[in-house]
PDB file of N, CA and C in Angstrom:
ATOM      1  N   MET A   1     113.796 127.589  86.893  1.00  0.00           N
ATOM      2  CA  MET A   1     112.668 127.004  86.196  1.00  0.00           C
ATOM      3  C   MET A   1     113.037 125.639  85.612  1.00  0.00           C
ATOM      4  N   SER A   2     114.204 125.541  85.018  1.00  0.00           N
ATOM      5  CA  SER A   2     114.570 124.261  84.408  1.00  0.00           C
ATOM      6  C   SER A   2     114.809 123.193  85.476  1.00  0.00           C
ATOM      7  N   GLU A   3     115.281 123.595  86.642  1.00  0.00           N
ATOM      8  CA  GLU A   3     115.467 122.620  87.716  1.00  0.00           C
ATOM      9  C   GLU A   3     114.125 122.083  88.203  1.00  0.00           C
ATOM     10  N   ALA A   4     113.115 122.928  88.222  1.00  0.00           N
ATOM     11  CA  ALA A   4     111.779 122.483  88.634  1.00  0.00           C
ATOM     12  C   ALA A   4     111.216 121.490  87.622  1.00  0.00           C
ATOM     13  N   LYS A   5     111.425 121.747  86.345  1.00  0.00           N
ATOM     14  CA  LYS A   5     110.952 120.818  85.308  1.00  0.00           C
ATOM     15  C   LYS A   5     111.682 119.476  85.423  1.00  0.00           C
ATOM     16  N   TYR A   6     112.975 119.544  85.657  1.00  0.00           N
ATOM     17  CA  TYR A   6     113.744 118.310  85.812  1.00  0.00           C
ATOM     18  C   TYR A   6     113.258 117.518  87.021  1.00  0.00           C
ATOM     19  N   PHE A   7     113.033 118.213  88.122  1.00  0.00           N
ATOM     20  CA  PHE A   7     112.574 117.553  89.343  1.00  0.00           C
ATOM     21  C   PHE A   7     111.205 116.909  89.134  1.00  0.00           C
ATOM     22  N   ALA A   8     110.284 117.656  88.508  1.00  0.00           N
ATOM     23  CA  ALA A   8     108.935 117.131  88.282  1.00  0.00           C
ATOM     24  C   ALA A   8     108.972 115.912  87.361  1.00  0.00           C
ATOM     25  N   THR A   9     109.796 115.960  86.334  1.00  0.00           N
ATOM     26  CA  THR A   9     109.919 114.833  85.419  1.00  0.00           C
ATOM     27  C   THR A   9     110.520 113.623  86.126  1.00  0.00           C
ATOM     28  N   ASP A  10     111.521 113.862  86.935  1.00  0.00           N
ATOM     29  CA  ASP A  10     112.182 112.767  87.647  1.00  0.00           C
ATOM     30  C   ASP A  10     111.232 112.107  88.647  1.00  0.00           C
ATOM     31  N   VAL A  11     110.512 112.907  89.395  1.00  0.00           N
ATOM     32  CA  VAL A  11     109.564 112.359  90.368  1.00  0.00           C
ATOM     33  C   VAL A  11     108.416 111.655  89.647  1.00  0.00           C
ATOM     34  N   GLY A  12     107.930 112.246  88.571  1.00  0.00           N
ATOM     35  CA  GLY A  12     106.860 111.610  87.803  1.00  0.00           C
ATOM     36  C   GLY A  12     107.275 110.255  87.266  1.00  0.00           C
ATOM     37  N   TRP A  13     108.491 110.172  86.754  1.00  0.00           N
ATOM     38  CA  TRP A  13     108.995 108.890  86.247  1.00  0.00           C
ATOM     39  C   TRP A  13     109.085 107.861  87.363  1.00  0.00           C
ATOM     40  N   ASP A  14     109.578 108.272  88.532  1.00  0.00           N
ATOM     41  CA  ASP A  14     109.677 107.337  89.659  1.00  0.00           C
ATOM     42  C   ASP A  14     108.306 106.808  90.075  1.00  0.00           C
ATOM     43  N   VAL A  15     107.319 107.684  90.124  1.00  0.00           N
ATOM     44  CA  VAL A  15     105.975 107.276  90.534  1.00  0.00           C
ATOM     45  C   VAL A  15     105.376 106.304  89.525  1.00  0.00           C
ATOM     46  N   VAL A  16     105.482 106.619  88.238  1.00  0.00           N
ATOM     47  CA  VAL A  16     104.913 105.746  87.203  1.00  0.00           C
ATOM     48  C   VAL A  16     105.656 104.416  87.173  1.00  0.00           C
ATOM     49  N   ASN A  17     106.959 104.455  87.320  1.00  0.00           N
ATOM     50  CA  ASN A  17     107.743 103.223  87.303  1.00  0.00           C
ATOM     51  C   ASN A  17     107.371 102.324  88.481  1.00  0.00           C
ATOM     52  N   LYS A  18     107.196 102.901  89.670  1.00  0.00           N
ATOM     53  CA  LYS A  18     106.791 102.101  90.827  1.00  0.00           C
ATOM     54  C   LYS A  18     105.381 101.548  90.654  1.00  0.00           C
ATOM     55  N   ALA A  19     104.504 102.325  90.039  1.00  0.00           N
ATOM     56  CA  ALA A  19     103.149 101.827  89.790  1.00  0.00           C
ATOM     57  C   ALA A  19     103.183 100.642  88.836  1.00  0.00           C
ATOM     58  N   MET A  20     104.043 100.704  87.834  1.00  0.00           N
ATOM     59  CA  MET A  20     104.162  99.575  86.913  1.00  0.00           C
ATOM     60  C   MET A  20     104.739  98.354  87.620  1.00  0.00           C
ATOM     61  N   GLN A  21     105.661  98.559  88.527  1.00  0.00           N
ATOM     62  CA  GLN A  21     106.227  97.444  89.278  1.00  0.00           C
ATOM     63  C   GLN A  21     105.159  96.786  90.160  1.00  0.00           C
ATOM     64  N   ILE A  22     104.290  97.607  90.736  1.00  0.00           N
ATOM     65  CA  ILE A  22     103.227  97.074  91.591  1.00  0.00           C
ATOM     66  C   ILE A  22     102.212  96.299  90.766  1.00  0.00           C
ATOM     67  N   LEU A  23     101.818  96.850  89.620  1.00  0.00           N
ATOM     68  CA  LEU A  23     100.790  96.209  88.801  1.00  0.00           C
ATOM     69  C   LEU A  23     101.325  94.999  88.038  1.00  0.00           C
ATOM     70  N   GLY A  24     102.594  94.977  87.780  1.00  0.00           N
ATOM     71  CA  GLY A  24     103.175  93.858  87.044  1.00  0.00           C
ATOM     72  C   GLY A  24     102.789  93.894  85.577  1.00  0.00           C
ATOM     73  N   GLY A  25     102.558  92.736  84.985  1.00  0.00           N
ATOM     74  CA  GLY A  25     102.276  92.638  83.556  1.00  0.00           C
ATOM     75  C   GLY A  25     100.980  93.300  83.133  1.00  0.00           C
ATOM     76  N   ILE A  26      99.993  93.326  84.006  1.00  0.00           N
ATOM     77  CA  ILE A  26      98.726  93.941  83.619  1.00  0.00           C
ATOM     78  C   ILE A  26      98.861  95.459  83.483  1.00  0.00           C
ATOM     79  N   GLY A  27      99.918  96.038  84.039  1.00  0.00           N
ATOM     80  CA  GLY A  27     100.151  97.469  83.901  1.00  0.00           C
ATOM     81  C   GLY A  27     100.445  97.882  82.470  1.00  0.00           C
ATOM     82  N   TYR A  28     100.902  96.932  81.648  1.00  0.00           N
ATOM     83  CA  TYR A  28     101.209  97.225  80.247  1.00  0.00           C
ATOM     84  C   TYR A  28      99.981  97.158  79.352  1.00  0.00           C
ATOM     85  N   THR A  29      98.863  96.696  79.871  1.00  0.00           N
ATOM     86  CA  THR A  29      97.640  96.669  79.085  1.00  0.00           C
ATOM     87  C   THR A  29      96.930  98.006  79.221  1.00  0.00           C
ATOM     88  N   GLN A  30      95.881  98.181  78.449  1.00  0.00           N
ATOM     89  CA  GLN A  30      95.148  99.438  78.490  1.00  0.00           C
ATOM     90  C   GLN A  30      94.026  99.408  79.524  1.00  0.00           C
ATOM     91  N   VAL A  31      94.058  98.443  80.415  1.00  0.00           N
ATOM     92  CA  VAL A  31      93.054  98.343  81.480  1.00  0.00           C
ATOM     93  C   VAL A  31      93.248  99.482  82.478  1.00  0.00           C
ATOM     94  N   TYR A  32      94.498  99.777  82.796  1.00  0.00           N
ATOM     95  CA  TYR A  32      94.813 100.828  83.754  1.00  0.00           C
ATOM     96  C   TYR A  32      95.462 102.010  83.025  1.00  0.00           C
ATOM     97  N   PRO A  33      95.255 103.235  83.502  1.00  0.00           N
ATOM     98  CA  PRO A  33      95.848 104.399  82.828  1.00  0.00           C
ATOM     99  C   PRO A  33      97.359 104.521  83.038  1.00  0.00           C
ATOM    100  N   VAL A  34      97.947 103.621  83.809  1.00  0.00           N
ATOM    101  CA  VAL A  34      99.389 103.693  84.056  1.00  0.00           C
ATOM    102  C   VAL A  34     100.168 103.481  82.765  1.00  0.00           C
ATOM    103  N   GLU A  35      99.649 102.644  81.896  1.00  0.00           N
ATOM    104  CA  GLU A  35     100.321 102.373  80.614  1.00  0.00           C
ATOM    105  C   GLU A  35     100.449 103.655  79.811  1.00  0.00           C
ATOM    106  N   ARG A  36      99.399 104.454  79.770  1.00  0.00           N
ATOM    107  CA  ARG A  36      99.430 105.722  79.025  1.00  0.00           C
ATOM    108  C   ARG A  36     100.386 106.711  79.686  1.00  0.00           C
ATOM    109  N   MET A  37     100.393 106.732  81.001  1.00  0.00           N
ATOM    110  CA  MET A  37     101.297 107.627  81.721  1.00  0.00           C
ATOM    111  C   MET A  37     102.752 107.271  81.443  1.00  0.00           C
ATOM    112  N   LEU A  38     103.033 105.968  81.384  1.00  0.00           N
ATOM    113  CA  LEU A  38     104.399 105.535  81.092  1.00  0.00           C
ATOM    114  C   LEU A  38     104.792 105.963  79.681  1.00  0.00           C
ATOM    115  N   ARG A  39     103.893 105.806  78.726  1.00  0.00           N
ATOM    116  CA  ARG A  39     104.196 106.250  77.357  1.00  0.00           C
ATOM    117  C   ARG A  39     104.425 107.758  77.307  1.00  0.00           C
ATOM    118  N   ASP A  40     103.669 108.517  78.086  1.00  0.00           N
ATOM    119  CA  ASP A  40     103.812 109.962  78.077  1.00  0.00           C
ATOM    120  C   ASP A  40     105.100 110.418  78.771  1.00  0.00           C
ATOM    121  N   MET A  41     105.570 109.657  79.735  1.00  0.00           N
ATOM    122  CA  MET A  41     106.768 110.034  80.473  1.00  0.00           C
ATOM    123  C   MET A  41     108.058 109.692  79.743  1.00  0.00           C
ATOM    124  N   ARG A  42     108.035 108.681  78.889  1.00  0.00           N
ATOM    125  CA  ARG A  42     109.270 108.247  78.234  1.00  0.00           C
ATOM    126  C   ARG A  42     109.938 109.337  77.403  1.00  0.00           C
ATOM    127  N   PRO A  43     109.227 110.087  76.558  1.00  0.00           N
ATOM    128  CA  PRO A  43     109.928 111.110  75.767  1.00  0.00           C
ATOM    129  C   PRO A  43     110.529 112.236  76.615  1.00  0.00           C
ATOM    130  N   THR A  44     109.925 112.516  77.754  1.00  0.00           N
ATOM    131  CA  THR A  44     110.449 113.598  78.583  1.00  0.00           C
ATOM    132  C   THR A  44     111.648 113.170  79.398  1.00  0.00           C
ATOM    133  N   ARG A  45     111.847 111.891  79.516  1.00  0.00           N
ATOM    134  CA  ARG A  45     112.963 111.374  80.297  1.00  0.00           C
ATOM    135  C   ARG A  45     114.192 111.533  79.477  1.00  0.00           C
TER     136      ARG A  45
END
């Protein structure tokens, strides 16, 4: 179970991080939900 949580967190972080790289600076604004996802992923990392 803990390995599944680790895997899901790791993959989620990779996806959000790549989305931020694609969006660039506008990804940090509240225009796109990626900013909220990044904030939600940081504590679990």
